[in-house]
């Protein structure tokens, strides 16, 4: 089975990334990051930009410690 849908990269307030179908409303708490494409293109983009998997609040807490 192939997935030829169009997706977009989304990000939440904790700087966590995911993908979402481009033709659907975004779920609450998520904003479009600006990248759209195939599922694999979006996943590849996330793999490139999301280098620190810790939530933003944890990164900030650890930086202040």
N, C-alpha and C. Protein backbone atom coordinates (compact mmCIF):
# COMPACT_ATOMS: atom_id res chain seq x y z
N UNK A 1 0.85 -1.19 0.00
CA UNK A 1 0.00 0.00 0.00
C UNK A 1 0.89 1.24 0.00
N UNK A 2 0.62 2.16 -0.89
CA UNK A 2 1.40 3.40 -0.95
C UNK A 2 0.60 4.54 -0.34
N UNK A 3 1.32 5.49 0.19
CA UNK A 3 0.70 6.67 0.78
C UNK A 3 1.12 7.87 -0.05
N UNK A 4 0.24 8.31 -0.93
CA UNK A 4 0.57 9.43 -1.81
C UNK A 4 -0.11 10.72 -1.37
N UNK A 5 -0.50 10.79 -0.10
CA UNK A 5 -1.13 11.99 0.43
C UNK A 5 -0.12 13.11 0.62
N UNK A 6 -0.65 14.30 0.82
CA UNK A 6 0.19 15.47 1.09
C UNK A 6 0.10 15.76 2.58
N UNK A 7 1.24 15.93 3.19
CA UNK A 7 1.34 16.17 4.62
C UNK A 7 2.00 17.51 4.88
N UNK A 8 1.90 17.96 6.13
CA UNK A 8 2.64 19.14 6.54
C UNK A 8 3.30 18.86 7.89
N UNK A 9 4.39 19.53 8.12
CA UNK A 9 5.09 19.40 9.39
C UNK A 9 4.45 20.36 10.37
N UNK A 10 4.15 19.86 11.56
CA UNK A 10 3.54 20.67 12.60
C UNK A 10 4.42 20.62 13.85
N UNK A 11 4.26 21.66 14.68
CA UNK A 11 5.06 21.77 15.91
C UNK A 11 4.16 22.27 17.03
N UNK A 12 4.39 21.77 18.24
CA UNK A 12 3.59 22.23 19.38
C UNK A 12 4.39 23.23 20.21
N UNK A 13 3.80 23.68 21.31
CA UNK A 13 4.43 24.70 22.16
C UNK A 13 5.70 24.20 22.84
N UNK A 14 5.90 22.91 22.89
CA UNK A 14 7.09 22.33 23.49
C UNK A 14 8.18 22.07 22.44
N UNK A 15 7.98 22.59 21.22
CA UNK A 15 8.91 22.40 20.11
C UNK A 15 9.06 20.93 19.71
N UNK A 16 7.98 20.18 19.86
CA UNK A 16 7.94 18.79 19.40
C UNK A 16 7.30 18.77 18.03
N UNK A 17 7.80 17.93 17.15
CA UNK A 17 7.35 17.89 15.76
C UNK A 17 6.52 16.65 15.47
N UNK A 18 5.68 16.78 14.45
CA UNK A 18 4.89 15.66 13.96
C UNK A 18 4.47 15.99 12.53
N UNK A 19 3.73 15.08 11.91
CA UNK A 19 3.17 15.37 10.59
C UNK A 19 1.65 15.29 10.69
N UNK A 20 1.00 16.00 9.79
CA UNK A 20 -0.46 16.04 9.77
C UNK A 20 -0.88 16.16 8.32
N UNK A 21 -2.05 15.63 8.00
CA UNK A 21 -2.56 15.72 6.63
C UNK A 21 -2.78 17.18 6.26
N UNK A 22 -2.31 17.56 5.09
CA UNK A 22 -2.35 18.96 4.67
C UNK A 22 -3.78 19.46 4.44
N UNK A 23 -4.70 18.55 4.15
CA UNK A 23 -6.07 18.98 3.84
C UNK A 23 -7.00 18.95 5.05
N UNK A 24 -6.44 18.76 6.23
CA UNK A 24 -7.27 18.72 7.44
C UNK A 24 -6.89 19.85 8.38
N UNK A 25 -7.86 20.26 9.20
CA UNK A 25 -7.60 21.27 10.21
C UNK A 25 -6.57 20.74 11.20
N UNK A 26 -5.73 21.64 11.68
CA UNK A 26 -4.71 21.24 12.65
C UNK A 26 -5.35 20.89 13.99
N UNK A 27 -4.79 19.92 14.68
CA UNK A 27 -5.29 19.62 16.02
C UNK A 27 -4.93 20.76 16.97
N UNK A 28 -5.70 20.90 18.03
CA UNK A 28 -5.44 21.95 19.01
C UNK A 28 -4.03 21.81 19.58
N UNK A 29 -3.36 22.94 19.72
CA UNK A 29 -2.04 22.95 20.30
C UNK A 29 -0.90 22.79 19.30
N UNK A 30 -1.22 22.64 18.03
CA UNK A 30 -0.20 22.43 16.99
C UNK A 30 -0.30 23.55 15.96
N UNK A 31 0.85 23.97 15.43
CA UNK A 31 0.89 24.99 14.38
C UNK A 31 1.69 24.45 13.21
N UNK A 32 1.35 24.92 12.02
CA UNK A 32 2.09 24.52 10.83
C UNK A 32 3.49 25.12 10.88
N UNK A 33 4.48 24.31 10.62
CA UNK A 33 5.87 24.74 10.67
C UNK A 33 6.30 25.37 9.34
N UNK A 34 5.61 25.01 8.26
CA UNK A 34 5.90 25.61 6.96
C UNK A 34 6.30 24.63 5.88
N UNK A 35 6.57 23.40 6.26
CA UNK A 35 7.01 22.39 5.29
C UNK A 35 5.84 21.50 4.92
N UNK A 36 5.65 21.26 3.63
CA UNK A 36 4.65 20.31 3.15
C UNK A 36 5.31 19.39 2.13
N UNK A 37 4.71 18.23 1.94
CA UNK A 37 5.24 17.29 0.96
C UNK A 37 4.70 15.90 1.22
N UNK A 38 5.40 14.92 0.68
CA UNK A 38 5.02 13.54 0.93
C UNK A 38 5.30 13.21 2.39
N UNK A 39 4.77 12.10 2.83
CA UNK A 39 5.02 11.67 4.20
C UNK A 39 6.52 11.54 4.45
N UNK A 40 7.23 10.90 3.53
CA UNK A 40 8.66 10.71 3.71
C UNK A 40 9.43 12.02 3.69
N UNK A 41 9.05 12.94 2.81
CA UNK A 41 9.72 14.25 2.78
C UNK A 41 9.56 14.98 4.11
N UNK A 42 8.35 14.93 4.66
CA UNK A 42 8.10 15.59 5.93
C UNK A 42 8.88 14.92 7.06
N UNK A 43 8.90 13.60 7.08
CA UNK A 43 9.66 12.89 8.10
C UNK A 43 11.15 13.17 7.98
N UNK A 44 11.65 13.25 6.75
CA UNK A 44 13.07 13.57 6.54
C UNK A 44 13.38 14.97 7.06
N UNK A 45 12.47 15.92 6.81
CA UNK A 45 12.67 17.28 7.29
C UNK A 45 12.72 17.31 8.82
N UNK A 46 11.78 16.61 9.46
CA UNK A 46 11.76 16.55 10.93
C UNK A 46 13.06 15.95 11.44
N UNK A 47 13.53 14.91 10.79
CA UNK A 47 14.79 14.28 11.20
C UNK A 47 15.96 15.25 11.14
N UNK A 48 15.90 16.20 10.21
CA UNK A 48 16.97 17.19 10.05
C UNK A 48 16.88 18.29 11.10
N UNK A 49 15.67 18.78 11.37
CA UNK A 49 15.53 19.96 12.24
C UNK A 49 15.31 19.65 13.72
N UNK A 50 14.80 18.48 14.03
CA UNK A 50 14.50 18.15 15.43
C UNK A 50 15.66 17.35 16.00
N UNK A 51 16.69 18.06 16.39
CA UNK A 51 17.91 17.41 16.84
C UNK A 51 17.95 17.17 18.34
N UNK A 52 17.13 17.85 19.09
CA UNK A 52 17.05 17.67 20.54
C UNK A 52 15.63 17.28 20.88
N UNK A 53 15.44 16.03 21.24
CA UNK A 53 14.10 15.49 21.44
C UNK A 53 13.45 15.92 22.77
N UNK A 54 14.22 16.56 23.63
CA UNK A 54 13.65 16.98 24.92
C UNK A 54 12.62 18.09 24.69
N UNK A 55 11.52 18.08 25.42
CA UNK A 55 10.56 19.18 25.35
C UNK A 55 11.24 20.49 25.74
N UNK A 56 10.77 21.59 25.17
CA UNK A 56 11.37 22.91 25.44
C UNK A 56 11.41 23.22 26.93
N UNK A 57 10.33 22.90 27.65
CA UNK A 57 10.30 23.21 29.08
C UNK A 57 11.42 22.47 29.83
N UNK A 58 11.72 21.26 29.45
CA UNK A 58 12.81 20.52 30.09
C UNK A 58 14.16 21.12 29.72
N UNK A 59 14.35 21.50 28.46
CA UNK A 59 15.60 22.14 28.05
C UNK A 59 15.82 23.42 28.84
N UNK A 60 14.77 24.23 28.99
CA UNK A 60 14.89 25.48 29.73
C UNK A 60 15.18 25.21 31.20
N UNK A 61 14.53 24.22 31.78
CA UNK A 61 14.77 23.89 33.17
C UNK A 61 16.21 23.43 33.39
N UNK A 62 16.71 22.61 32.48
CA UNK A 62 18.07 22.10 32.61
C UNK A 62 19.09 23.21 32.38
N UNK A 63 18.79 24.16 31.51
CA UNK A 63 19.70 25.27 31.25
C UNK A 63 19.79 26.19 32.47
N UNK A 64 18.71 26.30 33.22
CA UNK A 64 18.69 27.18 34.40
C UNK A 64 19.27 26.52 35.64
N UNK A 65 19.50 25.22 35.58
CA UNK A 65 20.00 24.51 36.77
C UNK A 65 21.50 24.69 36.95
